Amino acid sequence: MATPIGNMGDITLRAIETLRHADLIACEDTRVTGKLLARLGLAVPLVAYHEHNADRAGQTLLAQLREGRVVALVSDAGTPLISDPGWRLVRTCRDEGIAVTALPGPSAALTALQLSGLPAQPFLFAGFLPRTAAARRAAAHDLALVPATLIFFESPNRLGASLADLAAILGDRPAAIARELTKLHEEISPGTLTELAERYRQAPARGEVVLVVGPPAAQAPAGDADIDGRLAEALAGGASLKDSAALVAAETGRQRREVYARALRLAKRAAKGGPAE
């Protein structure tokens, strides 16, 4: 039987009993979980299981499970399977008829959503943003019209740049930065994407960061003249055709392909010196 167990810093009595009766504990870092077991007075074999060894270690765990042993999968912090490779192990267990249950602990994504003051229904957890600006903007393009609050994990070193990229594509939406959740220096910083980008450009964040972005605002149907005016403003501000189209589509709810076609026509007319349609 496999049992994912949540945040080891907020362990429950049920989780302690599960660890006590496990034959094997799989964990991100055996040193971290080893300290926990020492405090609890438990002596259970540990095996490392993380994104860098998931394929090899997963086979070891499956062999144990097939023999009827109880395996507990724990995370250093947060909830297992949220931004880690454990889902592959669970899927294989399900495929082979091996029983799986979960003892969830605190989740950084959900805690940040609760504290952000932004709409909680619906929401979309999108994991870590890409490392490069081009890839981040492409990801934002794909999410621009999703009618939900967006939740991201992000490196504190990239936070300012990521906020600026999101603002350029999604518009200046309300957002919140949740830092060091459930720890001594927990901090929630609300603001718009533009405000937060400037704040964290000047003073980079520290610690673990969750970024929550509000959903697109409901918009009255925009006419063609309004669309063209918004496009002209975005293009005049130095945004690319693609970014301008994505921003205006997100602001107005119009199809991105349609807005991009209008942006192309505007750019061609501007190049010829003619008036916009």
Protein backbone atom coordinates (compact mmCIF):
# COMPACT_ATOMS: atom_id res chain seq x y z
CA MET A 1 0.00 0.00 0.00
CA ALA A 2 1.31 3.45 -0.91
CA THR A 3 0.51 6.52 1.19
CA PRO A 4 1.50 10.09 0.22
CA ILE A 5 1.80 12.19 3.38
CA GLY A 6 1.81 15.98 3.50
CA ASN A 7 4.02 18.68 5.01
CA MET A 8 6.34 17.21 7.62
CA GLY A 9 6.35 20.49 9.55
CA ASP A 10 2.63 20.16 10.31
CA ILE A 11 2.33 16.42 10.80
CA THR A 12 -0.92 14.89 12.03
CA LEU A 13 -1.47 12.04 14.47
CA ARG A 14 -2.77 9.90 11.61
CA ALA A 15 0.38 10.56 9.60
CA ILE A 16 2.58 9.58 12.58
CA GLU A 17 0.72 6.29 12.91
CA THR A 18 1.12 5.66 9.19
CA LEU A 19 4.86 6.25 9.40
CA ARG A 20 5.09 4.02 12.45
CA HIS A 21 3.57 1.08 10.56
CA ALA A 22 5.31 1.65 7.22
CA ASP A 23 7.85 -0.88 5.97
CA LEU A 24 9.64 1.78 3.90
CA ILE A 25 9.51 5.58 3.66
CA ALA A 26 10.27 7.30 0.35
CA CYS A 27 11.23 10.97 0.74
CA GLU A 28 12.78 13.91 -1.09
CA ASP A 29 15.75 14.17 1.27
CA THR A 30 16.55 11.35 3.68
CA ARG A 31 18.37 13.80 5.97
CA VAL A 32 15.27 15.95 6.43
CA THR A 33 12.91 13.04 7.04
CA GLY A 34 15.54 11.30 9.17
CA LYS A 35 15.48 14.22 11.61
CA LEU A 36 11.70 13.97 11.81
CA LEU A 37 11.79 10.25 12.52
CA ALA A 38 14.40 10.82 15.22
CA ARG A 39 12.14 13.36 16.94
CA LEU A 40 9.25 10.92 16.74
CA GLY A 41 11.34 8.04 18.01
CA LEU A 42 10.75 5.98 14.84
CA ALA A 43 13.19 3.71 13.04
CA VAL A 44 11.92 3.00 9.52
CA PRO A 45 14.14 2.43 6.44
CA LEU A 46 14.36 5.47 4.14
CA VAL A 47 14.89 5.73 0.39
CA ALA A 48 15.35 8.93 -1.61
CA TYR A 49 12.64 9.59 -4.22
CA HIS A 50 12.72 12.87 -6.15
CA GLU A 51 12.60 14.29 -9.68
CA HIS A 52 16.20 13.32 -10.46
CA ASN A 53 15.90 9.61 -9.60
CA ALA A 54 12.15 8.98 -9.98
CA ASP A 55 12.43 6.34 -12.71
CA ARG A 56 15.04 4.21 -10.93
CA ALA A 57 13.78 4.69 -7.37
CA GLY A 58 10.19 4.21 -8.52
CA GLN A 59 11.01 0.69 -9.67
CA THR A 60 12.44 -0.11 -6.24
CA LEU A 61 9.31 1.15 -4.54
CA LEU A 62 7.04 -0.77 -6.90
CA ALA A 63 8.94 -3.98 -6.20
CA GLN A 64 8.30 -3.47 -2.49
CA LEU A 65 4.63 -2.71 -3.06
CA ARG A 66 4.13 -5.78 -5.25
CA GLU A 67 5.40 -7.90 -2.36
CA GLY A 68 2.68 -6.42 -0.13
CA ARG A 69 4.81 -4.00 1.86
CA VAL A 70 3.55 -0.61 3.04
CA VAL A 71 5.37 2.36 1.51
CA ALA A 72 4.86 5.94 2.72
CA LEU A 73 5.82 8.77 0.37
CA VAL A 74 6.54 12.06 2.17
CA SER A 75 7.60 15.54 1.06
CA ASP A 76 10.06 17.90 2.72
CA ALA A 77 7.38 20.62 2.66
CA GLY A 78 3.96 21.06 1.13
CA THR A 79 1.75 18.34 -0.28
CA PRO A 80 3.22 15.36 -2.17
CA LEU A 81 2.44 15.14 -5.90
CA ILE A 82 1.98 18.92 -6.15
CA SER A 83 4.99 19.85 -8.29
CA ASP A 84 6.89 16.59 -7.73
CA PRO A 85 7.10 13.25 -9.61
CA GLY A 86 4.94 11.19 -7.25
CA TRP A 87 1.95 11.14 -9.59
CA ARG A 88 3.76 8.62 -11.82
CA LEU A 89 4.08 6.21 -8.91
CA VAL A 90 0.41 6.64 -8.00
CA ARG A 91 -0.65 6.04 -11.61
CA THR A 92 1.34 2.81 -11.80
CA CYS A 93 -0.10 1.65 -8.49
CA ARG A 94 -3.61 2.31 -9.81
CA ASP A 95 -2.84 0.45 -13.04
CA GLU A 96 -1.62 -2.58 -11.07
CA GLY A 97 -4.44 -2.55 -8.50
CA ILE A 98 -2.18 -1.53 -5.60
CA ALA A 99 -4.12 0.37 -2.93
CA VAL A 100 -3.23 4.06 -2.50
CA THR A 101 -4.50 6.57 0.02
CA ALA A 102 -3.46 10.13 0.90
CA LEU A 103 -2.95 12.01 4.15
CA PRO A 104 -2.64 15.57 2.86
CA GLY A 105 -0.97 18.35 4.77
CA PRO A 106 -0.80 22.08 4.06
CA SER A 107 -0.43 23.06 0.42
CA ALA A 108 1.42 26.25 -0.47
CA ALA A 109 -0.75 26.77 -3.56
CA LEU A 110 -4.03 26.54 -1.63
CA THR A 111 -2.74 28.51 1.35
CA ALA A 112 -1.65 31.33 -0.95
CA LEU A 113 -5.05 31.32 -2.65
CA GLN A 114 -6.80 31.54 0.73
CA LEU A 115 -4.67 34.49 1.84
CA SER A 116 -4.61 36.38 -1.48
CA GLY A 117 -8.09 37.87 -1.26
CA LEU A 118 -8.65 36.88 -4.91
CA PRO A 119 -11.56 34.80 -6.23
CA ALA A 120 -11.14 31.13 -5.31
CA GLN A 121 -13.63 29.63 -7.76
CA PRO A 122 -12.45 28.65 -10.24
CA PHE A 123 -8.68 28.57 -9.93
CA LEU A 124 -5.87 27.00 -11.95
CA PHE A 125 -2.56 25.86 -10.47
CA ALA A 126 0.02 26.18 -13.27
CA GLY A 127 3.18 25.07 -11.42
CA PHE A 128 6.50 26.83 -11.99
CA LEU A 129 6.76 29.51 -14.65
CA PRO A 130 9.40 28.86 -17.35
CA ARG A 131 12.90 30.19 -16.74
CA THR A 132 13.30 32.35 -19.87
CA ALA A 133 11.35 35.49 -20.76
CA ALA A 134 10.28 34.14 -24.16
CA ALA A 135 8.97 30.91 -22.65
CA ARG A 136 7.21 32.77 -19.81
CA ARG A 137 5.44 35.05 -22.27
CA ALA A 138 4.42 32.05 -24.38
CA ALA A 139 2.97 30.40 -21.26
CA ALA A 140 1.14 33.61 -20.40
CA HIS A 141 -0.28 33.72 -23.93
CA ASP A 142 -1.77 30.27 -23.37
CA LEU A 143 -3.32 31.30 -20.04
CA ALA A 144 -4.49 34.81 -20.97
CA LEU A 145 -8.12 33.90 -21.62
CA VAL A 146 -8.54 31.29 -18.85
CA PRO A 147 -11.45 32.61 -16.73
CA ALA A 148 -9.87 31.67 -13.41
CA THR A 149 -7.48 32.84 -10.73
CA LEU A 150 -3.98 31.63 -11.66
CA ILE A 151 -1.49 30.22 -9.16
CA PHE A 152 2.23 29.83 -9.89
CA PHE A 153 5.35 28.78 -8.02
CA GLU A 154 8.33 31.00 -8.79
CA SER A 155 11.98 31.43 -7.91
CA PRO A 156 12.59 34.59 -5.85
CA ASN A 157 15.45 35.47 -8.21
CA ARG A 158 13.12 35.61 -11.25
CA LEU A 159 10.07 37.08 -9.53
CA GLY A 160 10.42 40.69 -10.71
CA ALA A 161 11.03 39.71 -14.33
CA SER A 162 8.20 37.17 -14.28
CA LEU A 163 5.74 39.70 -12.89
CA ALA A 164 6.70 42.16 -15.65
CA ASP A 165 6.23 39.49 -18.33
CA LEU A 166 2.82 38.52 -16.95
CA ALA A 167 1.75 42.17 -16.81
CA ALA A 168 2.78 42.64 -20.46
CA ILE A 169 0.63 39.70 -21.61
CA LEU A 170 -2.23 39.49 -19.08
CA GLY A 171 -2.67 43.20 -18.43
CA ASP A 172 -2.37 44.88 -15.03
CA ARG A 173 -4.43 42.38 -13.07
CA PRO A 174 -4.73 42.25 -9.27
CA ALA A 175 -2.27 39.79 -7.78
CA ALA A 176 -0.59 38.74 -4.56
CA ILE A 177 2.82 37.40 -3.61
CA ALA A 178 2.82 34.83 -0.79
CA ARG A 179 6.25 34.25 0.69
CA GLU A 180 7.51 31.74 3.27
CA LEU A 181 4.02 30.39 3.95
CA THR A 182 3.33 28.90 7.40
CA LYS A 183 6.87 29.85 8.50
CA LEU A 184 8.22 32.48 10.89
CA HIS A 185 8.61 35.18 8.22
CA GLU A 186 5.36 34.58 6.32
CA GLU A 187 4.43 37.56 4.17
CA ILE A 188 1.50 38.36 1.85
CA SER A 189 1.98 41.28 -0.56
CA PRO A 190 -1.08 42.32 -2.60
CA GLY A 191 -1.02 44.72 -5.55
CA THR A 192 -1.32 44.81 -9.30
CA LEU A 193 1.11 42.91 -11.50
CA THR A 194 2.80 46.18 -12.50
CA GLU A 195 3.11 47.41 -8.91
CA LEU A 196 4.49 44.10 -7.72
CA ALA A 197 6.92 43.88 -10.65
CA GLU A 198 8.40 47.24 -9.69
CA ARG A 199 8.50 46.36 -5.99
CA TYR A 200 10.37 43.10 -6.50
CA ARG A 201 12.62 44.56 -9.18
CA GLN A 202 13.89 47.05 -6.61
CA ALA A 203 14.02 44.59 -3.70
CA PRO A 204 14.23 40.92 -4.77
CA ALA A 205 12.24 38.44 -2.71
CA ARG A 206 13.71 35.81 -0.43
CA GLY A 207 12.52 32.32 0.39
CA GLU A 208 9.80 30.23 -1.20
CA VAL A 209 7.33 32.21 -3.32
CA VAL A 210 3.80 31.61 -4.59
CA LEU A 211 2.29 34.05 -7.10
CA VAL A 212 -1.50 34.40 -7.32
CA VAL A 213 -3.01 36.35 -10.25
CA GLY A 214 -6.63 37.39 -10.46
CA PRO A 215 -8.87 36.29 -13.37
CA PRO A 216 -9.50 38.50 -16.40
CA ALA A 217 -12.09 41.18 -15.69
CA ALA A 218 -15.49 40.76 -17.26
CA GLN A 219 -15.67 43.04 -20.27
CA ALA A 220 -18.51 44.40 -22.34
CA PRO A 221 -18.13 43.28 -25.96
CA ALA A 222 -15.51 45.48 -27.58
CA GLY A 223 -16.12 46.97 -31.00
CA ASP A 224 -13.60 46.91 -33.81
CA ALA A 225 -12.69 50.58 -33.25
CA ASP A 226 -11.96 49.89 -29.58
CA ILE A 227 -9.88 46.85 -30.50
CA ASP A 228 -7.86 48.87 -33.02
CA GLY A 229 -7.36 51.69 -30.54
CA ARG A 230 -6.05 49.31 -27.89
CA LEU A 231 -3.79 47.62 -30.41
CA ALA A 232 -2.41 50.93 -31.62
CA GLU A 233 -1.66 51.95 -28.03
CA ALA A 234 0.09 48.65 -27.25
CA LEU A 235 2.14 48.77 -30.46
CA ALA A 236 3.09 52.40 -29.85
CA GLY A 237 4.34 51.35 -26.43
CA GLY A 238 6.86 49.00 -28.01
CA ALA A 239 5.04 45.67 -27.60
CA SER A 240 5.44 43.11 -30.36
CA LEU A 241 2.52 42.18 -32.63
CA LYS A 242 2.11 38.88 -30.80
CA ASP A 243 2.24 40.43 -27.33
CA SER A 244 -0.08 43.28 -28.33
CA ALA A 245 -2.64 40.85 -29.71
CA ALA A 246 -2.46 38.66 -26.60
CA LEU A 247 -2.86 41.63 -24.28
CA VAL A 248 -5.84 43.09 -26.14
CA ALA A 249 -7.47 39.67 -26.48
CA ALA A 250 -7.11 39.13 -22.73
CA GLU A 251 -8.54 42.59 -22.00
CA THR A 252 -11.52 42.29 -24.33
CA GLY A 253 -12.34 38.59 -24.50
CA ARG A 254 -12.02 38.58 -28.28
CA GLN A 255 -10.38 35.61 -30.01
CA ARG A 256 -6.59 36.00 -30.12
CA ARG A 257 -6.41 34.91 -33.77
CA GLU A 258 -8.92 37.61 -34.76
CA VAL A 259 -7.10 40.30 -32.77
CA TYR A 260 -3.75 39.27 -34.21
CA ALA A 261 -5.15 39.56 -37.74
CA ARG A 262 -6.29 43.10 -36.96
CA ALA A 263 -2.88 43.91 -35.50
CA LEU A 264 -1.24 42.73 -38.72
CA ARG A 265 -3.50 44.97 -40.79
CA LEU A 266 -2.77 47.94 -38.55
CA ALA A 267 0.97 47.35 -38.76
CA LYS A 268 0.84 47.09 -42.58
CA ARG A 269 -1.20 50.28 -42.88
CA ALA A 270 1.13 52.09 -40.51
CA ALA A 271 4.11 50.97 -42.60
CA LYS A 272 2.47 52.38 -45.72
CA GLY A 273 1.53 55.60 -43.96
CA GLY A 274 -2.20 55.00 -44.37
CA PRO A 275 -4.98 55.38 -41.77
CA ALA A 276 -6.23 52.42 -39.72
CA GLU A 277 -9.53 50.81 -40.74
